[in-house]
């Protein structure tokens, strides 16, 4: 067990949740998880579970046909998508969509949030695919889930958007510290509890919990190497998303960029090559 993977105390959980209910894990995920845990999962079962819901089918096809997955031809069936992506990736995409539905709230007000999460997840998968042995599937899932606590806090606190704006204006201070100050809870710990209750892989749970901790790239004993890699990939993905999609600066990149690239084993030329290739995709 990683040194930071300690269970939260009852008081910490109570403080974090503050009357916020964690959505129940839907039946489709229970069935998917049950199948994936088998020694020899049946892809036809996975396809059947996805095809049973039009929204899930559309989400899988949308993802596999996105430019970040670099498919030469358009995929038109879930069976082909599962065959190309693999059952693990397909099930993670489904998990992302289902939790989006579970915490949707006012879907229109959160549309921008979900769109950004999907783009960061896609860019993260692309970055991971360019790294030797890069964790593409985990990077995609983490990109989707890392800020899952944000829409939940938006629904709980009417002034939470002001907190986010203030956090953007003070990049040298973790957003979670400001959230704790203003709301006595934060989206990283809340997201960690959601991920744990939905049985996401422990590395992803760990990365969600610490992804706003600015010290983890210096104090590497505080987080596992696998979780730190996921955080690093998502930081680079967020930087690229801000630069090429949202057309805005990312002040946190100035603070952490060098440490991120060092952890991922990328030099300046690697970074520039990756940035150029990604720019061609998002144009």
Protein backbone atom coordinates (compact mmCIF):
# COMPACT_ATOMS: atom_id res chain seq x y z
CA UNK A 1 0.00 0.00 0.00
CA UNK A 2 1.49 3.42 -0.96
CA UNK A 3 2.34 5.56 2.08
CA UNK A 4 -0.36 8.12 1.18
CA UNK A 5 -3.07 5.50 0.62
CA UNK A 6 -4.32 5.64 4.19
CA UNK A 7 -7.99 5.50 4.91
CA UNK A 8 -9.62 8.80 5.73
CA UNK A 9 -10.93 8.99 9.27
CA UNK A 10 -14.66 9.17 9.90
CA UNK A 11 -14.31 12.82 10.88
CA UNK A 12 -12.41 13.62 7.65
CA UNK A 13 -15.06 11.88 5.57
CA UNK A 14 -17.86 13.68 7.41
CA UNK A 15 -16.08 17.03 6.99
CA UNK A 16 -15.53 16.42 3.28
CA UNK A 17 -19.05 15.28 2.47
CA UNK A 18 -20.91 17.83 4.60
CA UNK A 19 -24.29 16.44 3.58
CA UNK A 20 -23.21 15.74 -0.02
CA UNK A 21 -24.47 12.36 -1.18
CA UNK A 22 -22.15 10.21 -3.27
CA UNK A 23 -24.17 8.79 -6.20
CA UNK A 24 -24.82 5.07 -6.08
CA UNK A 25 -22.90 2.91 -8.50
CA UNK A 26 -25.33 2.08 -11.34
CA UNK A 27 -26.16 -1.49 -12.26
CA UNK A 28 -24.47 -1.28 -15.66
CA UNK A 29 -21.13 -0.56 -13.98
CA UNK A 30 -21.59 -3.39 -11.52
CA UNK A 31 -22.20 -5.75 -14.44
CA UNK A 32 -19.24 -4.37 -16.43
CA UNK A 33 -16.95 -4.66 -13.42
CA UNK A 34 -18.10 -8.19 -12.75
CA UNK A 35 -17.31 -9.21 -16.32
CA UNK A 36 -13.93 -7.44 -16.38
CA UNK A 37 -12.85 -9.23 -13.19
CA UNK A 38 -13.23 -12.61 -14.82
CA UNK A 39 -10.11 -14.47 -15.89
CA UNK A 40 -11.32 -14.39 -19.50
CA UNK A 41 -13.82 -11.52 -19.98
CA UNK A 42 -16.25 -11.97 -22.85
CA UNK A 43 -16.14 -9.01 -25.28
CA UNK A 44 -19.62 -9.87 -26.51
CA UNK A 45 -20.97 -9.33 -23.00
CA UNK A 46 -19.27 -5.93 -22.84
CA UNK A 47 -20.71 -4.99 -26.25
CA UNK A 48 -24.20 -6.13 -25.19
CA UNK A 49 -24.12 -4.06 -22.01
CA UNK A 50 -23.02 -0.93 -23.91
CA UNK A 51 -25.49 -1.46 -26.76
CA UNK A 52 -28.34 -1.69 -24.28
CA UNK A 53 -28.08 2.08 -23.75
CA UNK A 54 -28.11 4.47 -26.73
CA UNK A 55 -26.25 7.15 -24.78
CA UNK A 56 -23.44 4.78 -23.80
CA UNK A 57 -23.13 3.51 -27.37
CA UNK A 58 -22.88 7.06 -28.72
CA UNK A 59 -20.26 8.02 -26.14
CA UNK A 60 -18.03 5.05 -26.98
CA UNK A 61 -18.24 5.76 -30.72
CA UNK A 62 -17.62 9.47 -30.20
CA UNK A 63 -14.48 8.73 -28.20
CA UNK A 64 -13.00 6.09 -30.47
CA UNK A 65 -13.52 8.39 -33.47
CA UNK A 66 -11.96 11.42 -31.82
CA UNK A 67 -8.66 12.67 -33.30
CA UNK A 68 -6.82 11.84 -30.08
CA UNK A 69 -7.22 8.10 -30.73
CA UNK A 70 -5.88 8.50 -34.28
CA UNK A 71 -8.06 6.01 -36.14
CA UNK A 72 -7.52 5.89 -39.90
CA UNK A 73 -11.15 4.96 -40.60
CA UNK A 74 -14.41 5.91 -38.89
CA UNK A 75 -15.77 3.24 -36.53
CA UNK A 76 -19.53 2.77 -36.76
CA UNK A 77 -20.30 -0.10 -34.39
CA UNK A 78 -19.71 -0.69 -30.69
CA UNK A 79 -18.39 -4.17 -31.43
CA UNK A 80 -15.66 -2.75 -33.69
CA UNK A 81 -14.93 -0.01 -31.15
CA UNK A 82 -14.49 -2.50 -28.32
CA UNK A 83 -12.32 -4.66 -30.58
CA UNK A 84 -10.04 -1.73 -31.44
CA UNK A 85 -9.92 0.04 -28.08
CA UNK A 86 -10.06 -3.03 -25.89
CA UNK A 87 -12.58 -3.92 -23.23
CA UNK A 88 -10.73 -1.99 -20.52
CA UNK A 89 -10.82 1.34 -22.35
CA UNK A 90 -14.44 0.84 -23.41
CA UNK A 91 -15.53 0.12 -19.85
CA UNK A 92 -13.69 3.21 -18.59
CA UNK A 93 -15.40 5.41 -21.17
CA UNK A 94 -18.73 4.02 -20.02
CA UNK A 95 -17.80 4.73 -16.41
CA UNK A 96 -16.99 8.33 -17.34
CA UNK A 97 -20.35 8.86 -19.04
CA UNK A 98 -22.35 7.19 -16.28
CA UNK A 99 -20.79 9.30 -13.54
CA UNK A 100 -21.39 12.39 -15.67
CA UNK A 101 -25.09 11.51 -15.73
CA UNK A 102 -25.08 10.70 -12.02
CA UNK A 103 -23.76 14.15 -10.99
CA UNK A 104 -25.15 16.14 -13.92
CA UNK A 105 -27.37 18.57 -12.03
CA UNK A 106 -28.10 21.46 -14.41
CA UNK A 107 -26.61 19.90 -17.53
CA UNK A 108 -26.49 23.19 -19.42
CA UNK A 109 -24.48 24.99 -16.74
CA UNK A 110 -21.98 22.11 -16.61
CA UNK A 111 -21.65 21.58 -20.36
CA UNK A 112 -18.41 23.56 -20.52
CA UNK A 113 -16.94 21.61 -17.61
CA UNK A 114 -17.67 18.23 -19.19
CA UNK A 115 -16.44 19.35 -22.60
CA UNK A 116 -13.15 20.46 -21.07
CA UNK A 117 -12.82 17.21 -19.09
CA UNK A 118 -13.32 15.15 -22.24
CA UNK A 119 -10.73 17.17 -24.16
CA UNK A 120 -8.15 16.96 -21.36
CA UNK A 121 -8.79 13.20 -21.11
CA UNK A 122 -8.30 12.78 -24.86
CA UNK A 123 -5.11 14.84 -24.86
CA UNK A 124 -3.84 12.89 -21.84
CA UNK A 125 -4.44 9.60 -23.68
CA UNK A 126 -2.55 11.00 -26.67
CA UNK A 127 0.41 12.09 -24.49
CA UNK A 128 0.53 8.72 -22.72
CA UNK A 129 0.53 6.90 -26.06
CA UNK A 130 3.71 8.79 -27.01
CA UNK A 131 5.55 7.79 -23.84
CA UNK A 132 7.37 4.44 -23.62
CA UNK A 133 4.95 2.16 -21.83
CA UNK A 134 2.65 5.11 -21.20
CA UNK A 135 -0.56 4.35 -19.26
CA UNK A 136 -3.00 5.46 -21.99
CA UNK A 137 -6.17 3.96 -20.53
CA UNK A 138 -5.45 5.14 -16.99
CA UNK A 139 -4.49 8.62 -18.25
CA UNK A 140 -7.79 8.90 -20.10
CA UNK A 141 -9.82 7.76 -17.08
CA UNK A 142 -7.96 10.08 -14.72
CA UNK A 143 -8.51 13.00 -17.12
CA UNK A 144 -12.25 12.35 -16.95
CA UNK A 145 -12.46 11.84 -13.19
CA UNK A 146 -9.83 14.06 -11.62
CA UNK A 147 -12.18 17.03 -11.07
CA UNK A 148 -15.40 15.09 -10.53
CA UNK A 149 -15.85 16.83 -7.18
CA UNK A 150 -16.23 20.23 -8.90
CA UNK A 151 -19.76 19.78 -10.30
CA UNK A 152 -20.84 18.27 -6.99
CA UNK A 153 -19.59 21.34 -5.10
CA UNK A 154 -21.18 23.64 -7.70
CA UNK A 155 -24.53 22.15 -6.83
CA UNK A 156 -23.89 22.32 -3.08
CA UNK A 157 -22.54 25.88 -2.78
CA UNK A 158 -24.11 28.80 -4.75
CA UNK A 159 -20.86 30.82 -4.48
CA UNK A 160 -18.54 27.99 -5.53
CA UNK A 161 -17.91 29.53 -8.97
CA UNK A 162 -16.46 32.55 -7.19
CA UNK A 163 -14.10 30.18 -5.39
CA UNK A 164 -12.94 28.73 -8.71
CA UNK A 165 -12.37 32.22 -10.12
CA UNK A 166 -10.34 33.21 -7.07
CA UNK A 167 -8.31 30.00 -7.35
CA UNK A 168 -7.50 30.80 -10.99
CA UNK A 169 -6.24 34.20 -9.88
CA UNK A 170 -3.88 32.71 -7.27
CA UNK A 171 -2.05 29.84 -9.04
CA UNK A 172 0.75 29.73 -6.46
CA UNK A 173 -1.74 28.43 -3.90
CA UNK A 174 -3.56 25.08 -4.26
CA UNK A 175 -7.22 25.46 -5.21
CA UNK A 176 -8.05 22.88 -2.56
CA UNK A 177 -6.65 25.14 0.19
CA UNK A 178 -8.98 27.95 -0.86
CA UNK A 179 -11.91 25.53 -1.05
CA UNK A 180 -11.19 24.29 2.47
CA UNK A 181 -11.09 27.89 3.64
CA UNK A 182 -14.36 28.95 2.01
CA UNK A 183 -16.37 25.73 2.16
CA UNK A 184 -14.63 23.47 4.71
CA UNK A 185 -14.28 20.81 2.00
CA UNK A 186 -12.46 20.44 -1.33
CA UNK A 187 -13.08 18.77 -4.68
CA UNK A 188 -9.94 16.60 -4.65
CA UNK A 189 -10.83 14.77 -1.44
CA UNK A 190 -14.48 14.58 -2.46
CA UNK A 191 -13.47 13.19 -5.85
CA UNK A 192 -11.25 10.64 -4.12
CA UNK A 193 -14.21 9.43 -2.04
CA UNK A 194 -16.40 9.17 -5.14
CA UNK A 195 -13.71 7.25 -7.02
CA UNK A 196 -13.20 4.87 -4.10
CA UNK A 197 -16.93 4.24 -3.76
CA UNK A 198 -17.16 3.52 -7.50
CA UNK A 199 -14.22 1.10 -7.22
CA UNK A 200 -11.87 2.92 -9.60
CA UNK A 201 -8.27 1.60 -9.59
CA UNK A 202 -6.35 2.63 -6.48
CA UNK A 203 -3.72 4.52 -8.49
CA UNK A 204 -6.40 6.71 -10.05
CA UNK A 205 -8.00 7.31 -6.65
CA UNK A 206 -4.63 8.32 -5.24
CA UNK A 207 -3.91 10.67 -8.14
CA UNK A 208 -7.31 12.34 -7.76
CA UNK A 209 -6.70 12.95 -4.08
CA UNK A 210 -3.31 14.65 -4.59
CA UNK A 211 -3.55 16.25 -8.03
CA UNK A 212 -3.70 19.80 -6.65
CA UNK A 213 -0.88 19.29 -4.14
CA UNK A 214 1.96 21.45 -5.47
CA UNK A 215 4.55 19.63 -3.33
CA UNK A 216 4.24 16.13 -4.83
CA UNK A 217 6.86 16.71 -7.53
CA UNK A 218 9.44 17.57 -4.85
CA UNK A 219 8.28 15.24 -2.07
CA UNK A 220 7.97 12.12 -4.21
CA UNK A 221 7.70 9.83 -1.18
CA UNK A 222 4.22 11.27 -0.58
CA UNK A 223 2.73 9.66 -3.69
CA UNK A 224 3.33 6.52 -5.74
CA UNK A 225 5.30 6.86 -8.98
CA UNK A 226 2.32 5.60 -11.00
CA UNK A 227 -0.06 8.17 -9.52
CA UNK A 228 2.52 10.94 -9.97
CA UNK A 229 2.82 9.98 -13.65
CA UNK A 230 -0.95 10.33 -14.08
CA UNK A 231 -0.87 13.75 -12.44
CA UNK A 232 2.08 14.81 -14.62
CA UNK A 233 0.38 13.68 -17.83
CA UNK A 234 -2.84 15.49 -16.88
CA UNK A 235 -0.92 18.66 -16.04
CA UNK A 236 0.70 18.61 -19.48
CA UNK A 237 -2.66 17.81 -21.10
CA UNK A 238 -4.34 20.70 -19.27
CA UNK A 239 -1.54 23.02 -20.40
CA UNK A 240 -1.99 21.97 -24.03
CA UNK A 241 -5.79 22.27 -23.73
CA UNK A 242 -5.48 25.79 -22.34
CA UNK A 243 -2.98 26.76 -25.02
CA UNK A 244 -4.66 25.39 -28.13
CA UNK A 245 -8.34 24.91 -27.25
CA UNK A 246 -9.23 27.51 -24.64
CA UNK A 247 -6.67 30.03 -25.93
CA UNK A 248 -5.58 31.12 -22.48
CA UNK A 249 -2.47 30.93 -20.36
CA UNK A 250 -1.97 28.36 -17.62
CA UNK A 251 -0.11 30.05 -14.74
CA UNK A 252 0.35 26.75 -12.88
CA UNK A 253 2.38 25.45 -15.83
CA UNK A 254 4.99 28.14 -15.15
CA UNK A 255 5.30 26.76 -11.62
CA UNK A 256 5.25 23.04 -12.40
CA UNK A 257 6.13 22.66 -16.07
CA UNK A 258 9.81 21.85 -15.61
CA UNK A 259 9.05 19.29 -12.89
CA UNK A 260 6.33 17.69 -15.02
CA UNK A 261 8.60 17.28 -18.03
CA UNK A 262 11.43 15.95 -15.86
CA UNK A 263 9.19 13.31 -14.31
CA UNK A 264 7.92 12.22 -17.73
CA UNK A 265 11.47 12.06 -19.09
CA UNK A 266 10.83 14.73 -21.72
CA UNK A 267 13.38 17.32 -22.76
CA UNK A 268 12.63 20.61 -24.51
CA UNK A 269 12.81 19.07 -27.98
CA UNK A 270 10.45 16.25 -26.96
CA UNK A 271 8.03 18.83 -25.60
CA UNK A 272 8.15 20.94 -28.75
CA UNK A 273 7.65 17.89 -30.99
CA UNK A 274 4.68 16.76 -28.93
CA UNK A 275 3.21 20.24 -28.92
CA UNK A 276 3.52 20.51 -32.70
CA UNK A 277 1.91 17.13 -33.31
CA UNK A 278 -0.92 17.91 -30.93
CA UNK A 279 -1.46 21.33 -32.52
CA UNK A 280 -2.04 19.61 -35.85
CA UNK A 281 -4.69 17.39 -34.23
CA UNK A 282 -6.71 20.10 -32.49
CA UNK A 283 -6.69 22.58 -35.37
